[in-house]
């Protein structure tokens, strides 16, 4: 019961902040990326850039992935003040994958805009061609 109360209070505070226009807002330059065709076993990476367009410091507490083939790196551990920019680099290892891949990365932070909490990428993993 205490857990439910905590969740409801957290949602209430977040919605209240959003309604008042207060709080950190993460604005992605581009929240999705398409790697296109990637040869099986290749490693690729992309840097997602963002800006805190809110009026309070943005704090990223974690970056979560859904599979061991995806690795986040380079994200700020210090607060990002209003107007300041940041980035998160995401690496994808296609070893053991085949076909269309769609991966979502969750950015755990104190933002008041829910859509700011996710970035994603796609890749089409194809068979690696060997030279004749």
C-alpha atoms as a PDB file:
ATOM      1  CA  UNK A   1       0.000   0.000   0.000  1.00  0.00           C
ATOM      2  CA  UNK A   2       2.882   2.373   0.808  1.00  0.00           C
ATOM      3  CA  UNK A   3       4.383   1.604  -2.613  1.00  0.00           C
ATOM      4  CA  UNK A   4       1.158   2.512  -4.388  1.00  0.00           C
ATOM      5  CA  UNK A   5       0.905   5.744  -2.399  1.00  0.00           C
ATOM      6  CA  UNK A   6       4.499   6.648  -3.321  1.00  0.00           C
ATOM      7  CA  UNK A   7       3.849   5.987  -7.023  1.00  0.00           C
ATOM      8  CA  UNK A   8       0.665   8.076  -6.990  1.00  0.00           C
ATOM      9  CA  UNK A   9       2.431  10.936  -5.207  1.00  0.00           C
ATOM     10  CA  UNK A  10       5.341  10.834  -7.667  1.00  0.00           C
ATOM     11  CA  UNK A  11       2.943  10.973 -10.623  1.00  0.00           C
ATOM     12  CA  UNK A  12       0.996  13.786  -8.992  1.00  0.00           C
ATOM     13  CA  UNK A  13       4.141  15.861  -8.394  1.00  0.00           C
ATOM     14  CA  UNK A  14       5.371  15.254 -11.956  1.00  0.00           C
ATOM     15  CA  UNK A  15       2.022  16.222 -13.481  1.00  0.00           C
ATOM     16  CA  UNK A  16       1.843  19.276 -11.246  1.00  0.00           C
ATOM     17  CA  UNK A  17       5.296  20.375 -12.339  1.00  0.00           C
ATOM     18  CA  UNK A  18       4.407  19.839 -15.978  1.00  0.00           C
ATOM     19  CA  UNK A  19       1.185  21.803 -15.647  1.00  0.00           C
ATOM     20  CA  UNK A  20       3.073  24.707 -14.058  1.00  0.00           C
ATOM     21  CA  UNK A  21       5.842  24.565 -16.664  1.00  0.00           C
ATOM     22  CA  UNK A  22       8.468  23.893 -14.022  1.00  0.00           C
ATOM     23  CA  UNK A  23      11.171  21.310 -14.166  1.00  0.00           C
ATOM     24  CA  UNK A  24      13.795  19.895 -16.480  1.00  0.00           C
ATOM     25  CA  UNK A  25      12.781  19.062 -20.052  1.00  0.00           C
ATOM     26  CA  UNK A  26      14.938  16.894 -22.300  1.00  0.00           C
ATOM     27  CA  UNK A  27      14.677  17.890 -25.965  1.00  0.00           C
ATOM     28  CA  UNK A  28      16.361  15.419 -28.296  1.00  0.00           C
ATOM     29  CA  UNK A  29      17.979  16.632 -31.494  1.00  0.00           C
ATOM     30  CA  UNK A  30      16.778  13.285 -32.887  1.00  0.00           C
ATOM     31  CA  UNK A  31      15.353  10.533 -30.650  1.00  0.00           C
ATOM     32  CA  UNK A  32      15.637   7.731 -33.226  1.00  0.00           C
ATOM     33  CA  UNK A  33      18.432   6.478 -35.459  1.00  0.00           C
ATOM     34  CA  UNK A  34      18.527   3.965 -38.303  1.00  0.00           C
ATOM     35  CA  UNK A  35      21.874   2.228 -38.804  1.00  0.00           C
ATOM     36  CA  UNK A  36      20.598   0.677 -42.047  1.00  0.00           C
ATOM     37  CA  UNK A  37      22.249  -2.584 -43.112  1.00  0.00           C
ATOM     38  CA  UNK A  38      24.875  -3.847 -40.667  1.00  0.00           C
ATOM     39  CA  UNK A  39      26.999  -6.922 -41.357  1.00  0.00           C
ATOM     40  CA  UNK A  40      26.546  -9.626 -38.744  1.00  0.00           C
ATOM     41  CA  UNK A  41      29.263  -9.256 -36.097  1.00  0.00           C
ATOM     42  CA  UNK A  42      29.913  -5.570 -36.763  1.00  0.00           C
ATOM     43  CA  UNK A  43      29.827  -3.028 -33.947  1.00  0.00           C
ATOM     44  CA  UNK A  44      28.265   0.371 -34.634  1.00  0.00           C
ATOM     45  CA  UNK A  45      27.475   3.370 -32.457  1.00  0.00           C
ATOM     46  CA  UNK A  46      25.485   6.580 -32.566  1.00  0.00           C
ATOM     47  CA  UNK A  47      25.521   9.670 -30.357  1.00  0.00           C
ATOM     48  CA  UNK A  48      22.119  11.063 -29.383  1.00  0.00           C
ATOM     49  CA  UNK A  49      22.312  14.791 -28.582  1.00  0.00           C
ATOM     50  CA  UNK A  50      19.893  16.696 -26.371  1.00  0.00           C
ATOM     51  CA  UNK A  51      19.343  19.992 -24.615  1.00  0.00           C
ATOM     52  CA  UNK A  52      17.708  20.801 -21.280  1.00  0.00           C
ATOM     53  CA  UNK A  53      14.976  23.194 -22.414  1.00  0.00           C
ATOM     54  CA  UNK A  54      13.343  23.267 -18.999  1.00  0.00           C
ATOM     55  CA  UNK A  55      13.948  25.659 -16.131  1.00  0.00           C
ATOM     56  CA  UNK A  56      15.531  23.331 -13.569  1.00  0.00           C
ATOM     57  CA  UNK A  57      18.661  21.114 -13.645  1.00  0.00           C
ATOM     58  CA  UNK A  58      18.296  17.785 -15.463  1.00  0.00           C
ATOM     59  CA  UNK A  59      19.709  14.769 -13.635  1.00  0.00           C
ATOM     60  CA  UNK A  60      20.191  11.475 -15.481  1.00  0.00           C
ATOM     61  CA  UNK A  61      20.357   8.690 -12.900  1.00  0.00           C
ATOM     62  CA  UNK A  62      20.599   5.713 -15.251  1.00  0.00           C
ATOM     63  CA  UNK A  63      20.449   4.599 -18.873  1.00  0.00           C
ATOM     64  CA  UNK A  64      18.807   1.194 -19.299  1.00  0.00           C
ATOM     65  CA  UNK A  65      18.938  -1.200 -22.244  1.00  0.00           C
ATOM     66  CA  UNK A  66      16.906  -4.320 -22.959  1.00  0.00           C
ATOM     67  CA  UNK A  67      19.685  -6.557 -24.243  1.00  0.00           C
ATOM     68  CA  UNK A  68      23.392  -7.166 -23.789  1.00  0.00           C
ATOM     69  CA  UNK A  69      24.006  -6.248 -27.436  1.00  0.00           C
ATOM     70  CA  UNK A  70      23.383  -2.573 -26.625  1.00  0.00           C
ATOM     71  CA  UNK A  71      25.716  -0.467 -24.484  1.00  0.00           C
ATOM     72  CA  UNK A  72      25.113   3.140 -23.387  1.00  0.00           C
ATOM     73  CA  UNK A  73      28.121   5.314 -22.643  1.00  0.00           C
ATOM     74  CA  UNK A  74      29.202   8.913 -22.274  1.00  0.00           C
ATOM     75  CA  UNK A  75      26.186  10.265 -20.437  1.00  0.00           C
ATOM     76  CA  UNK A  76      26.579  13.083 -17.921  1.00  0.00           C
ATOM     77  CA  UNK A  77      26.643  12.125 -14.259  1.00  0.00           C
ATOM     78  CA  UNK A  78      26.470  15.787 -13.168  1.00  0.00           C
ATOM     79  CA  UNK A  79      23.315  17.940 -13.368  1.00  0.00           C
ATOM     80  CA  UNK A  80      22.683  19.549 -16.756  1.00  0.00           C
ATOM     81  CA  UNK A  81      21.551  23.120 -16.176  1.00  0.00           C
ATOM     82  CA  UNK A  82      18.770  24.793 -18.199  1.00  0.00           C
ATOM     83  CA  UNK A  83      20.019  25.645 -21.681  1.00  0.00           C
ATOM     84  CA  UNK A  84      22.950  23.228 -21.424  1.00  0.00           C
ATOM     85  CA  UNK A  85      23.404  20.363 -23.906  1.00  0.00           C
ATOM     86  CA  UNK A  86      24.454  16.772 -23.402  1.00  0.00           C
ATOM     87  CA  UNK A  87      24.752  13.491 -25.237  1.00  0.00           C
ATOM     88  CA  UNK A  88      24.428   9.750 -24.840  1.00  0.00           C
ATOM     89  CA  UNK A  89      26.340   7.385 -27.098  1.00  0.00           C
ATOM     90  CA  UNK A  90      24.759   4.005 -27.759  1.00  0.00           C
ATOM     91  CA  UNK A  91      26.798   1.105 -29.149  1.00  0.00           C
ATOM     92  CA  UNK A  92      25.230  -1.931 -30.831  1.00  0.00           C
ATOM     93  CA  UNK A  93      27.012  -5.262 -31.310  1.00  0.00           C
ATOM     94  CA  UNK A  94      25.319  -7.269 -34.060  1.00  0.00           C
ATOM     95  CA  UNK A  95      27.078 -10.544 -33.198  1.00  0.00           C
ATOM     96  CA  UNK A  96      24.474 -13.320 -33.011  1.00  0.00           C
ATOM     97  CA  UNK A  97      21.713 -11.119 -34.450  1.00  0.00           C
ATOM     98  CA  UNK A  98      20.020 -11.405 -37.812  1.00  0.00           C
ATOM     99  CA  UNK A  99      17.329  -9.405 -39.572  1.00  0.00           C
ATOM    100  CA  UNK A 100      15.515  -6.267 -38.480  1.00  0.00           C
ATOM    101  CA  UNK A 101      16.470  -5.079 -34.984  1.00  0.00           C
ATOM    102  CA  UNK A 102      14.564  -2.415 -33.050  1.00  0.00           C
ATOM    103  CA  UNK A 103      16.111  -1.446 -29.713  1.00  0.00           C
ATOM    104  CA  UNK A 104      14.776   0.980 -27.110  1.00  0.00           C
ATOM    105  CA  UNK A 105      17.005   2.733 -24.586  1.00  0.00           C
ATOM    106  CA  UNK A 106      15.362   4.164 -21.463  1.00  0.00           C
ATOM    107  CA  UNK A 107      16.853   7.312 -19.962  1.00  0.00           C
ATOM    108  CA  UNK A 108      15.991   7.439 -16.257  1.00  0.00           C
ATOM    109  CA  UNK A 109      15.939  11.052 -15.117  1.00  0.00           C
ATOM    110  CA  UNK A 110      13.940  13.755 -13.397  1.00  0.00           C
ATOM    111  CA  UNK A 111      12.409  15.236 -16.577  1.00  0.00           C
ATOM    112  CA  UNK A 112       8.792  16.323 -16.593  1.00  0.00           C
ATOM    113  CA  UNK A 113       8.222  15.386 -20.246  1.00  0.00           C
ATOM    114  CA  UNK A 114       7.577  11.614 -20.471  1.00  0.00           C
ATOM    115  CA  UNK A 115       8.554  11.407 -24.164  1.00  0.00           C
ATOM    116  CA  UNK A 116      12.055  12.521 -23.199  1.00  0.00           C
ATOM    117  CA  UNK A 117      12.692   9.239 -21.410  1.00  0.00           C
ATOM    118  CA  UNK A 118      13.306   7.059 -24.443  1.00  0.00           C
ATOM    119  CA  UNK A 119      15.541   6.922 -27.486  1.00  0.00           C
ATOM    120  CA  UNK A 120      15.658   4.111 -30.006  1.00  0.00           C
ATOM    121  CA  UNK A 121      17.485   2.729 -32.997  1.00  0.00           C
ATOM    122  CA  UNK A 122      16.950   0.212 -35.749  1.00  0.00           C
ATOM    123  CA  UNK A 123      19.349  -1.886 -37.775  1.00  0.00           C
ATOM    124  CA  UNK A 124      19.007  -4.560 -40.406  1.00  0.00           C
ATOM    125  CA  UNK A 125      21.605  -7.214 -39.632  1.00  0.00           C
ATOM    126  CA  UNK A 126      22.689  -9.012 -42.798  1.00  0.00           C
ATOM    127  CA  UNK A 127      25.006 -11.928 -43.398  1.00  0.00           C
ATOM    128  CA  UNK A 128      28.656 -10.917 -43.455  1.00  0.00           C
ATOM    129  CA  UNK A 129      30.092 -11.317 -46.940  1.00  0.00           C
ATOM    130  CA  UNK A 130      33.429 -13.058 -47.211  1.00  0.00           C
ATOM    131  CA  UNK A 131      35.843 -12.041 -49.960  1.00  0.00           C
ATOM    132  CA  UNK A 132      36.348 -14.616 -52.708  1.00  0.00           C
END
